[in-house]
Amino acid sequence: MNVIARKARALPKPCACFSLVSLVALAAMAPPLPGRADDAPAVQAAQPAPMTAQSKISATIEFGIPALESALERHVPKVLANFDDRTTRCWHRRMFRREVDVDCVYSGMVERTGPISLRADNGRLVGAVPVYGRVAGQGIGRFARLLHGAGEGELTVYATARPRLRPDWSVALDMSEGFRWQEPPVLRILGFEINLSRYVEPRVRVQVERIQSEAAAYMRSLDLRDKAETAWRHAFTPVKIFDTPEIWLQMTPQTVAFAGTHAHGDVLEGAIEITGTTATFIGQAPPSPSPTPLPALGADVSAPGRFEVVIPVGIDYNAIRSKMQDAIAAMHDQGFALHDAKVYPSGDKIVFGLRLASSDANAGDGDWIYLTASPKLDADAHVLQFPDIKLDTGGASLPPVLADWFKDDAHLKALREQLRIGYQDQLNKIVASANDRLTRSLGNGYRSEAHLSSSGIGGVEPLDDGVRIDFRLNGDLKILYGL
């Protein structure tokens, strides 16, 4: 060691321009100091954090509005109202210097002239019926019977209902919003106006109640409770979302609540929100838990919540080792060789072991130099990096010239810039696979649809087989029944 020290003192002060080849050559003049096992930082893998998240699934029962329109078309009659009535003072004139009031009789009918059309609007079910009204009247009395007239008009009546799911899973159609006319149903004959509302509205209300009854019967035929129980059981089934390595998702549902009705196109959806925990497993499929009974329906929620799951992206140590070898190769001159390298975890850090020697040295020659760094993510560039890489000899006596070179921040900065490993492609593959595997037929009219994307980073962990990066995926996961 005194020889090494004297030679080290005789060397000029190392600088960034001083070649690594020269340093290794000078170090080779000293007696070889093979690395010892206790020189290296200890191997210690981190304990993997559980990959769990609180999550929500929208279980949606869809039914096509055209099917309900057809059912109403079969049951709602064409003629909505017939009337035959008498009114006083339907006609007023001044005759023979006297004010004369004439009583009238009139009759008429209101019928629908087209099919009942339904549409969904902000969670409401709106029915529109085109109607045609006709009325004829005649005066009463000796001379008044000569007075007669007729009127007609086309109108549209709208009925509105807001479906609700009761705690017993039956469907209520709240008709409190009633119905409205496109314009007042008034016809003019014999000089006065006849408001058809009092004749037509009672009949229309009957038909509105029929719409309510038919829609409720249609939804009862879907047996929402049975559909919800099936969706609840499906939610417990583990799903493999990636093959290499095998990645599985397991959800444990806990609560269920009504999430309202929604519409898109000619489809009305009644959705429930299932909440629970999702867990991610790597390797063999987790055991499928026994589904719990469907719980009582919780209070309404405004809209189905977001599905969230933690998925891992792994970068094994061989890939990091290869990247380190390439980085060292890009930094040295001809005549220098990296005879060996190893990468392993030590606590929350990564250890890089490098055996350095001159190019003409034997394969087993060289000194082990150890670098340590904390793995970090550059989320913007989508790369794993090591921004605090530094020399860590673990107390070993290294040739000073080598130690000084690796202590030079200019050299370490160049190494940090080279040692960057991208993960975006792997992440994209897992997200695409998850969406593909979770979008599938469940049988018996059920299917699931997933629209997930990466939204955040959960953590970076040096494990025994590589660095694991936990990402959070969120979006929509639906269990659908219907179209």
Protein backbone atom coordinates (compact mmCIF):
# COMPACT_ATOMS: atom_id res chain seq x y z
CA MET A 1 0.00 0.00 0.00
CA ASN A 2 3.01 2.38 0.60
CA VAL A 3 4.07 1.82 -2.98
CA ILE A 4 0.62 2.73 -4.19
CA ALA A 5 0.55 5.81 -2.01
CA ARG A 6 3.95 7.06 -3.22
CA LYS A 7 2.97 6.56 -6.84
CA ALA A 8 -0.31 8.27 -6.26
CA ARG A 9 1.39 11.32 -4.70
CA ALA A 10 3.73 11.55 -7.70
CA LEU A 11 0.82 11.73 -10.15
CA PRO A 12 -0.45 15.06 -11.43
CA LYS A 13 -3.83 16.13 -10.08
CA PRO A 14 -6.55 14.31 -12.11
CA CYS A 15 -8.96 16.39 -14.16
CA ALA A 16 -11.88 15.74 -16.49
CA CYS A 17 -9.51 15.75 -19.48
CA PHE A 18 -7.34 13.05 -17.98
CA SER A 19 -8.07 9.79 -19.81
CA LEU A 20 -9.56 6.86 -17.99
CA VAL A 21 -7.10 4.66 -19.86
CA SER A 22 -4.19 6.47 -18.23
CA LEU A 23 -5.78 6.08 -14.83
CA VAL A 24 -6.27 2.36 -15.28
CA ALA A 25 -2.72 1.97 -16.62
CA LEU A 26 -1.33 3.81 -13.60
CA ALA A 27 -3.46 1.78 -11.27
CA ALA A 28 -2.14 -1.38 -12.93
CA MET A 29 1.39 -0.42 -11.80
CA ALA A 30 0.32 -1.07 -8.25
CA PRO A 31 0.01 -4.58 -6.86
CA PRO A 32 -3.44 -5.93 -7.68
CA LEU A 33 -6.07 -5.41 -5.01
CA PRO A 34 -8.86 -7.83 -5.81
CA GLY A 35 -12.27 -6.82 -4.56
CA ARG A 36 -13.44 -8.61 -1.44
CA ALA A 37 -16.99 -9.76 -0.72
CA ASP A 38 -17.20 -7.47 2.28
CA ASP A 39 -16.15 -4.49 0.15
CA ALA A 40 -19.42 -4.51 -1.73
CA PRO A 41 -22.64 -2.93 -0.47
CA ALA A 42 -24.93 -5.59 0.95
CA VAL A 43 -27.60 -7.20 -1.21
CA GLN A 44 -30.96 -6.18 0.21
CA ALA A 45 -34.11 -6.09 -1.90
CA ALA A 46 -37.02 -3.85 -0.95
CA GLN A 47 -40.23 -5.41 0.22
CA PRO A 48 -42.77 -4.99 -2.58
CA ALA A 49 -45.63 -2.70 -1.65
CA PRO A 50 -49.11 -4.14 -2.13
CA MET A 51 -50.60 -3.01 -5.41
CA THR A 52 -54.08 -2.07 -4.26
CA ALA A 53 -56.47 0.79 -4.91
CA GLN A 54 -59.96 1.87 -4.02
CA SER A 55 -62.01 1.55 -7.17
CA LYS A 56 -65.45 1.69 -8.72
CA ILE A 57 -67.17 -0.33 -11.45
CA SER A 58 -70.22 0.86 -13.33
CA ALA A 59 -72.58 -2.08 -13.84
CA THR A 60 -75.03 -0.91 -16.46
CA ILE A 61 -78.25 -2.41 -17.74
CA GLU A 62 -79.08 -1.10 -21.18
CA PHE A 63 -82.32 -1.34 -23.04
CA GLY A 64 -83.14 -0.07 -26.47
CA ILE A 65 -85.71 2.68 -26.62
CA PRO A 66 -87.14 1.33 -29.93
CA ALA A 67 -88.23 -1.84 -28.11
CA LEU A 68 -90.19 0.22 -25.58
CA GLU A 69 -91.65 2.36 -28.39
CA SER A 70 -92.94 -0.81 -30.06
CA ALA A 71 -94.53 -1.98 -26.84
CA LEU A 72 -96.32 1.35 -26.39
CA GLU A 73 -97.42 1.37 -30.02
CA ARG A 74 -99.20 -1.91 -29.47
CA HIS A 75 -101.02 -0.79 -26.32
CA VAL A 76 -101.84 2.91 -26.72
CA PRO A 77 -105.01 3.37 -28.82
CA LYS A 78 -105.21 5.61 -31.87
CA VAL A 79 -108.22 7.59 -30.58
CA LEU A 80 -107.33 9.42 -27.39
CA ALA A 81 -110.65 11.18 -26.74
CA ASN A 82 -114.25 11.51 -28.02
CA PHE A 83 -116.51 14.20 -26.61
CA ASP A 84 -120.05 15.46 -27.02
CA ASP A 85 -120.99 18.43 -24.88
CA ARG A 86 -123.16 21.50 -24.46
CA THR A 87 -122.13 24.97 -23.42
CA THR A 88 -123.99 28.19 -22.70
CA ARG A 89 -123.30 31.50 -24.31
CA CYS A 90 -121.15 30.02 -27.01
CA TRP A 91 -122.25 32.80 -29.32
CA HIS A 92 -123.19 36.40 -28.50
CA ARG A 93 -124.83 38.93 -30.81
CA ARG A 94 -126.86 42.14 -30.56
CA MET A 95 -130.06 41.54 -32.55
CA PHE A 96 -133.15 43.70 -32.76
CA ARG A 97 -131.66 46.07 -30.22
CA ARG A 98 -131.22 43.24 -27.80
CA GLU A 99 -128.23 41.28 -26.50
CA VAL A 100 -128.67 37.68 -27.57
CA ASP A 101 -126.74 34.75 -26.10
CA VAL A 102 -126.87 31.49 -27.99
CA ASP A 103 -126.20 28.12 -26.42
CA CYS A 104 -124.35 25.49 -28.42
CA VAL A 105 -123.71 21.81 -28.60
CA TYR A 106 -120.47 20.54 -29.98
CA SER A 107 -118.71 17.24 -30.46
CA GLY A 108 -115.33 16.11 -31.57
CA MET A 109 -112.44 13.74 -31.18
CA VAL A 110 -108.69 13.72 -30.67
CA GLU A 111 -106.54 10.99 -32.14
CA ARG A 112 -102.84 10.38 -32.48
CA THR A 113 -101.63 10.62 -36.02
CA GLY A 114 -98.22 9.01 -35.65
CA PRO A 115 -96.20 6.65 -33.51
CA ILE A 116 -95.13 7.41 -29.98
CA SER A 117 -91.51 8.48 -30.03
CA LEU A 118 -89.29 8.20 -26.96
CA ARG A 119 -85.96 9.77 -26.24
CA ALA A 120 -83.73 10.13 -23.24
CA ASP A 121 -82.84 13.61 -22.06
CA ASN A 122 -80.62 14.19 -19.00
CA GLY A 123 -81.76 11.01 -17.32
CA ARG A 124 -85.42 11.57 -18.18
CA LEU A 125 -87.60 9.54 -20.51
CA VAL A 126 -89.54 11.88 -22.81
CA GLY A 127 -92.43 10.63 -24.93
CA ALA A 128 -93.90 12.70 -27.78
CA VAL A 129 -97.26 11.97 -29.40
CA PRO A 130 -98.53 13.87 -32.49
CA VAL A 131 -102.31 14.37 -32.24
CA TYR A 132 -105.06 15.73 -34.43
CA GLY A 133 -108.19 17.37 -32.99
CA ARG A 134 -111.51 18.02 -34.69
CA VAL A 135 -114.62 19.74 -33.33
CA ALA A 136 -118.01 20.67 -34.80
CA GLY A 137 -120.71 22.82 -33.15
CA GLN A 138 -124.26 24.05 -33.69
CA GLY A 139 -126.47 26.57 -31.96
CA ILE A 140 -129.48 25.52 -29.89
CA GLY A 141 -132.86 27.06 -30.50
CA ARG A 142 -135.26 28.02 -33.24
CA PHE A 143 -132.99 30.40 -35.03
CA ALA A 144 -129.68 29.48 -33.42
CA ARG A 145 -129.73 26.03 -34.95
CA LEU A 146 -128.87 27.72 -38.22
CA LEU A 147 -125.53 28.67 -36.68
CA HIS A 148 -122.92 25.95 -37.13
CA GLY A 149 -119.19 25.61 -37.67
CA ALA A 150 -116.17 23.34 -37.39
CA GLY A 151 -112.50 23.57 -36.47
CA GLU A 152 -109.46 21.35 -36.50
CA GLY A 153 -105.79 21.45 -35.59
CA GLU A 154 -102.62 19.40 -35.19
CA LEU A 155 -100.84 19.36 -31.85
CA THR A 156 -98.10 17.50 -30.01
CA VAL A 157 -98.29 16.30 -26.45
CA TYR A 158 -95.18 15.48 -24.44
CA ALA A 159 -94.98 13.15 -21.44
CA THR A 160 -91.92 13.08 -19.17
CA ALA A 161 -90.80 10.48 -16.65
CA ARG A 162 -87.67 10.15 -14.54
CA PRO A 163 -86.80 6.51 -13.79
CA ARG A 164 -85.60 5.73 -10.26
CA LEU A 165 -84.40 2.52 -8.72
CA ARG A 166 -86.06 1.69 -5.42
CA PRO A 167 -84.16 -0.02 -2.58
CA ASP A 168 -85.98 -3.27 -3.45
CA TRP A 169 -84.58 -3.01 -7.02
CA SER A 170 -87.96 -2.22 -8.58
CA VAL A 171 -88.19 0.70 -10.99
CA ALA A 172 -90.33 3.77 -10.36
CA LEU A 173 -91.13 6.22 -13.12
CA ASP A 174 -91.69 9.60 -11.53
CA MET A 175 -94.39 11.26 -13.65
CA SER A 176 -94.56 14.40 -11.51
CA GLU A 177 -93.31 16.45 -14.42
CA GLY A 178 -96.57 15.55 -16.17
CA PHE A 179 -97.09 16.50 -19.76
CA ARG A 180 -97.23 19.64 -21.84
CA TRP A 181 -98.70 20.80 -25.13
CA GLN A 182 -96.71 22.16 -27.97
CA GLU A 183 -99.34 24.92 -28.04
CA PRO A 184 -102.67 25.32 -26.21
CA PRO A 185 -105.27 22.83 -27.52
CA VAL A 186 -107.85 25.49 -28.47
CA LEU A 187 -110.14 25.41 -31.51
CA ARG A 188 -112.39 28.27 -32.62
CA ILE A 189 -115.92 27.75 -33.94
CA LEU A 190 -119.11 29.84 -33.97
CA GLY A 191 -117.16 32.84 -32.80
CA PHE A 192 -115.81 31.38 -29.57
CA GLU A 193 -112.87 29.27 -28.48
CA ILE A 194 -113.20 25.73 -27.25
CA ASN A 195 -110.34 24.63 -25.05
CA LEU A 196 -109.97 20.91 -25.55
CA SER A 197 -107.82 20.47 -22.45
CA ARG A 198 -110.66 19.51 -20.16
CA TYR A 199 -111.72 16.80 -22.58
CA VAL A 200 -108.40 15.58 -23.79
CA GLU A 201 -106.15 15.85 -20.74
CA PRO A 202 -107.97 13.22 -18.65
CA ARG A 203 -107.61 10.82 -21.58
CA VAL A 204 -104.01 11.82 -22.13
CA ARG A 205 -103.27 11.28 -18.44
CA VAL A 206 -104.63 7.77 -18.78
CA GLN A 207 -102.25 7.17 -21.68
CA VAL A 208 -99.37 8.76 -19.80
CA GLU A 209 -100.07 6.34 -16.97
CA ARG A 210 -100.05 3.60 -19.58
CA ILE A 211 -96.64 4.75 -20.75
CA GLN A 212 -95.51 4.64 -17.16
CA SER A 213 -97.01 1.21 -16.63
CA GLU A 214 -95.62 -0.23 -19.85
CA ALA A 215 -92.15 1.16 -19.22
CA ALA A 216 -92.16 -0.15 -15.64
CA ALA A 217 -93.39 -3.56 -16.82
CA TYR A 218 -90.66 -3.62 -19.41
CA MET A 219 -88.02 -2.86 -16.79
CA ARG A 220 -89.51 -5.42 -14.40
CA SER A 221 -89.13 -8.00 -17.14
CA LEU A 222 -85.40 -7.26 -17.10
CA ASP A 223 -85.30 -8.40 -13.45
CA LEU A 224 -82.81 -5.78 -12.34
CA ARG A 225 -82.03 -7.47 -9.06
CA ASP A 226 -81.07 -10.68 -10.79
CA LYS A 227 -78.96 -8.72 -13.29
CA ALA A 228 -77.29 -6.82 -10.46
CA GLU A 229 -76.51 -10.05 -8.59
CA THR A 230 -74.91 -11.51 -11.70
CA ALA A 231 -72.85 -8.35 -12.28
CA TRP A 232 -71.83 -8.45 -8.60
CA ARG A 233 -70.57 -12.04 -8.94
CA HIS A 234 -68.68 -11.24 -12.15
CA ALA A 235 -66.84 -8.43 -10.35
CA PHE A 236 -65.10 -10.98 -8.06
CA THR A 237 -63.52 -12.96 -10.90
CA PRO A 238 -59.74 -12.43 -11.37
CA VAL A 239 -58.74 -11.32 -14.88
CA LYS A 240 -55.33 -11.83 -16.48
CA ILE A 241 -54.45 -8.58 -18.22
CA PHE A 242 -50.90 -9.39 -19.39
CA ASP A 243 -48.97 -12.55 -20.31
CA THR A 244 -45.24 -11.89 -19.82
CA PRO A 245 -45.04 -11.52 -16.93
CA GLU A 246 -48.50 -12.69 -15.98
CA ILE A 247 -50.39 -9.83 -14.36
CA TRP A 248 -53.79 -10.42 -12.74
CA LEU A 249 -56.46 -8.07 -11.46
CA GLN A 250 -58.66 -9.01 -8.55
CA MET A 251 -61.51 -6.87 -7.26
CA THR A 252 -63.28 -7.32 -3.96
CA PRO A 253 -66.66 -5.50 -4.17
CA GLN A 254 -68.00 -3.97 -0.99
CA THR A 255 -70.96 -1.66 -1.70
CA VAL A 256 -73.47 -1.00 -4.46
CA ALA A 257 -75.51 2.14 -5.14
CA PHE A 258 -77.83 3.41 -7.86
CA ALA A 259 -75.96 5.66 -10.28
CA GLY A 260 -78.93 7.04 -12.19
CA THR A 261 -80.11 6.74 -15.74
CA HIS A 262 -78.12 7.93 -18.68
CA ALA A 263 -78.64 7.96 -22.41
CA HIS A 264 -76.64 7.79 -25.56
CA GLY A 265 -78.29 7.56 -28.96
CA ASP A 266 -81.42 5.43 -28.71
CA VAL A 267 -80.24 3.53 -25.64
CA LEU A 268 -81.29 4.22 -22.07
CA GLU A 269 -78.97 2.98 -19.34
CA GLY A 270 -79.75 2.26 -15.74
CA ALA A 271 -76.44 2.09 -13.89
CA ILE A 272 -75.35 0.90 -10.48
CA GLU A 273 -71.97 1.70 -8.97
CA ILE A 274 -70.02 -1.13 -7.37
CA THR A 275 -67.20 0.03 -5.09
CA GLY A 276 -64.41 -2.01 -3.58
CA THR A 277 -60.68 -2.64 -3.67
CA THR A 278 -58.64 -3.78 -6.65
CA ALA A 279 -55.41 -5.71 -6.19
CA THR A 280 -52.77 -6.56 -8.77
CA PHE A 281 -50.85 -9.84 -8.68
CA ILE A 282 -47.77 -10.91 -10.64
CA GLY A 283 -47.28 -14.59 -11.44
CA GLN A 284 -49.87 -17.25 -10.80
CA ALA A 285 -53.57 -16.43 -10.76
CA PRO A 286 -54.82 -15.43 -7.31
CA PRO A 287 -57.48 -17.66 -5.80
CA SER A 288 -60.96 -16.56 -6.76
CA PRO A 289 -62.80 -15.47 -3.60
CA SER A 290 -66.32 -16.58 -2.91
CA PRO A 291 -68.71 -13.75 -3.86
CA THR A 292 -70.53 -12.18 -0.96
CA PRO A 293 -74.30 -11.69 -1.15
CA LEU A 294 -75.51 -8.62 -2.99
CA PRO A 295 -75.77 -5.89 -0.31
CA ALA A 296 -78.66 -3.51 0.13
CA LEU A 297 -78.83 -0.78 -2.48
CA GLY A 298 -77.06 2.33 -1.22
CA ALA A 299 -78.06 5.95 -1.64
CA ASP A 300 -78.06 7.40 -5.13
CA VAL A 301 -74.80 8.71 -6.54
CA SER A 302 -74.75 11.39 -9.19
CA ALA A 303 -72.78 9.40 -11.75
CA PRO A 304 -70.76 6.19 -11.97
CA GLY A 305 -67.30 6.64 -10.46
CA ARG A 306 -63.89 5.97 -11.95
CA PHE A 307 -62.26 2.58 -12.03
CA GLU A 308 -58.69 2.60 -10.74
CA VAL A 309 -56.05 -0.09 -10.58
CA VAL A 310 -52.30 -0.25 -9.91
CA ILE A 311 -50.26 -2.01 -12.59
CA PRO A 312 -46.51 -2.77 -12.46
CA VAL A 313 -43.86 -2.15 -15.11
CA GLY A 314 -40.72 -4.18 -14.43
CA ILE A 315 -37.17 -3.41 -15.57
CA ASP A 316 -34.90 -6.36 -14.74
CA TYR A 317 -31.33 -5.97 -13.58
CA ASN A 318 -29.91 -7.56 -16.73
CA ALA A 319 -31.39 -4.72 -18.78
CA ILE A 320 -29.90 -2.14 -16.39
CA ARG A 321 -26.53 -3.99 -16.41
CA SER A 322 -26.49 -3.96 -20.22
CA LYS A 323 -27.27 -0.25 -20.25
CA MET A 324 -24.44 0.43 -17.77
CA GLN A 325 -21.98 -1.55 -19.90
CA ASP A 326 -22.99 0.50 -22.95
CA ALA A 327 -22.60 3.73 -20.97
CA ILE A 328 -19.09 2.80 -19.77
CA ALA A 329 -18.12 1.71 -23.28
CA ALA A 330 -19.22 5.09 -24.63
CA MET A 331 -17.01 6.93 -22.12
CA HIS A 332 -13.57 5.25 -22.33
CA ASP A 333 -10.75 5.21 -24.89
CA GLN A 334 -9.24 2.24 -26.67
CA GLY A 335 -7.00 0.24 -24.38
CA PHE A 336 -9.43 0.07 -21.48
CA ALA A 337 -11.79 -2.82 -20.73
CA LEU A 338 -14.73 -3.47 -18.47
CA HIS A 339 -14.16 -7.09 -17.55
CA ASP A 340 -17.35 -7.63 -15.60
CA ALA A 341 -20.39 -5.86 -14.21
CA LYS A 342 -23.19 -6.67 -11.84
CA VAL A 343 -26.30 -4.82 -10.72
CA TYR A 344 -28.34 -5.58 -7.60
CA PRO A 345 -30.53 -3.88 -4.97
CA SER A 346 -29.32 -2.62 -1.61
CA GLY A 347 -32.12 -1.12 0.45
CA ASP A 348 -33.72 1.68 -1.56
CA LYS A 349 -30.68 1.98 -3.86
CA ILE A 350 -29.23 0.21 -6.86
CA VAL A 351 -25.61 -1.00 -6.74
CA PHE A 352 -23.47 -1.08 -9.90
CA GLY A 353 -20.38 -3.28 -9.54
CA LEU A 354 -17.71 -2.68 -12.23
CA ARG A 355 -14.51 -4.73 -12.65
CA LEU A 356 -12.08 -2.48 -14.51
CA ALA A 357 -8.76 -3.46 -16.09
CA SER A 358 -6.48 -2.60 -18.99
CA SER A 359 -7.41 -4.22 -22.25
CA ASP A 360 -4.39 -6.53 -22.23
CA ALA A 361 -5.07 -7.80 -18.72
CA ASN A 362 -6.31 -11.31 -18.04
CA ALA A 363 -10.05 -11.89 -17.87
CA GLY A 364 -9.99 -12.35 -14.12
CA ASP A 365 -7.88 -9.27 -13.42
CA GLY A 366 -9.11 -5.86 -12.39
CA ASP A 367 -10.52 -4.06 -9.40
CA TRP A 368 -14.17 -3.94 -8.42
CA ILE A 369 -15.55 -0.45 -8.11
CA TYR A 370 -19.04 0.05 -6.71
CA LEU A 371 -21.43 2.84 -7.57
CA THR A 372 -24.79 3.42 -5.91
CA ALA A 373 -27.82 5.40 -6.97
CA SER A 374 -31.50 5.85 -6.17
CA PRO A 375 -33.75 5.00 -9.13
CA LYS A 376 -35.98 7.91 -10.13
CA LEU A 377 -38.49 8.51 -12.90
CA ASP A 378 -38.47 11.29 -15.44
CA ALA A 379 -42.23 11.32 -16.05
CA ASP A 380 -41.98 13.78 -18.93
CA ALA A 381 -39.37 11.76 -20.81
CA HIS A 382 -40.83 8.39 -19.67
CA VAL A 383 -37.44 7.05 -18.55
CA LEU A 384 -35.92 5.47 -15.46
CA GLN A 385 -32.81 7.42 -14.45
CA PHE A 386 -30.18 7.48 -11.72
CA PRO A 387 -29.54 11.19 -10.96
CA ASP A 388 -27.50 10.72 -7.77
CA ILE A 389 -25.08 8.03 -8.92
CA LYS A 390 -21.86 8.15 -6.90
CA LEU A 391 -18.85 6.08 -5.83
CA ASP A 392 -19.35 3.73 -2.89
CA THR A 393 -16.36 1.46 -2.16
CA GLY A 394 -17.81 0.00 0.98
CA GLY A 395 -14.53 0.70 2.78
CA ALA A 396 -12.29 -1.06 0.24
CA SER A 397 -8.82 0.30 -0.52
CA LEU A 398 -9.02 1.25 -4.20
CA PRO A 399 -6.25 2.70 -6.31
CA PRO A 400 -6.58 6.43 -5.68
CA VAL A 401 -6.47 7.33 -9.35
CA LEU A 402 -9.55 5.19 -10.05
CA ALA A 403 -11.33 6.47 -6.99
CA ASP A 404 -10.57 10.06 -7.91
CA TRP A 405 -11.83 9.58 -11.46
CA PHE A 406 -15.21 8.27 -10.29
CA LYS A 407 -15.45 10.99 -7.71
CA ASP A 408 -15.16 13.62 -10.44
CA ASP A 409 -18.68 14.97 -10.95
CA ALA A 410 -18.02 15.76 -14.60
CA HIS A 411 -17.45 12.06 -15.27
CA LEU A 412 -20.44 11.03 -13.17
CA LYS A 413 -22.63 13.57 -14.93
CA ALA A 414 -21.76 12.00 -18.27
CA LEU A 415 -22.57 8.58 -16.82
CA ARG A 416 -25.92 9.80 -15.48
CA GLU A 417 -26.86 11.14 -18.91
CA GLN A 418 -26.01 7.84 -20.56
CA LEU A 419 -27.76 5.64 -17.99
CA ARG A 420 -31.43 6.23 -18.88
CA ILE A 421 -33.87 3.40 -19.60
CA GLY A 422 -37.22 4.01 -21.31
CA TYR A 423 -40.41 2.35 -20.07
CA GLN A 424 -43.14 3.95 -22.21
CA ASP A 425 -43.43 1.07 -24.71
CA GLN A 426 -43.86 -1.49 -21.96
CA LEU A 427 -46.42 0.67 -20.19
CA ASN A 428 -48.39 1.17 -23.41
CA LYS A 429 -48.41 -2.59 -24.05
CA ILE A 430 -49.79 -3.32 -20.58
CA VAL A 431 -52.49 -0.62 -20.84
CA ALA A 432 -53.55 -1.86 -24.28
CA SER A 433 -53.59 -5.46 -23.06
CA ALA A 434 -55.64 -4.51 -19.97
CA ASN A 435 -58.26 -2.74 -22.10
CA ASP A 436 -58.35 -5.69 -24.51
CA ARG A 437 -58.66 -8.36 -21.81
CA LEU A 438 -61.23 -6.43 -19.77
CA THR A 439 -63.38 -5.78 -22.85
CA ARG A 440 -64.99 -9.15 -23.42
CA SER A 441 -68.17 -11.18 -23.41
CA LEU A 442 -69.21 -12.53 -20.03
CA GLY A 443 -71.91 -14.81 -21.43
CA ASN A 444 -75.69 -14.83 -21.00
CA GLY A 445 -76.08 -11.36 -22.49
CA TYR A 446 -73.38 -9.75 -20.32
CA ARG A 447 -70.22 -8.09 -21.47
CA SER A 448 -67.59 -5.82 -19.98
CA GLU A 449 -65.96 -2.76 -21.50
CA ALA A 450 -62.80 -1.02 -20.34
CA HIS A 451 -61.40 2.38 -21.27
CA LEU A 452 -58.34 2.85 -19.06
CA SER A 453 -55.31 5.09 -19.37
CA SER A 454 -52.22 5.84 -17.29
CA SER A 455 -52.83 8.72 -14.90
CA GLY A 456 -50.13 8.65 -12.24
CA ILE A 457 -47.08 6.98 -10.72
CA GLY A 458 -47.39 5.08 -7.48
CA GLY A 459 -43.73 4.39 -6.68
CA VAL A 460 -40.35 2.93 -7.72
CA GLU A 461 -39.01 -0.09 -5.83
CA PRO A 462 -35.70 -2.02 -6.21
CA LEU A 463 -36.88 -5.61 -5.77
CA ASP A 464 -34.90 -8.85 -5.89
CA ASP A 465 -35.46 -9.41 -9.64
CA GLY A 466 -35.48 -5.84 -10.92
CA VAL A 467 -36.90 -2.37 -10.48
CA ARG A 468 -40.68 -2.24 -10.29
CA ILE A 469 -42.54 0.94 -11.23
CA ASP A 470 -46.16 1.13 -10.08
CA PHE A 471 -48.52 3.08 -12.30
CA ARG A 472 -52.13 3.96 -11.64
CA LEU A 473 -54.59 3.34 -14.44
CA ASN A 474 -58.00 4.89 -14.25
CA GLY A 475 -60.98 5.31 -16.51
CA ASP A 476 -64.20 3.39 -17.02
CA LEU A 477 -64.89 -0.28 -16.44
CA LYS A 478 -68.47 -1.33 -17.13
CA ILE A 479 -70.34 -4.58 -16.82
CA LEU A 480 -73.15 -4.28 -19.35
CA TYR A 481 -76.35 -6.17 -20.01
CA GLY A 482 -78.52 -5.39 -23.00
CA LEU A 483 -77.65 -4.34 -26.50
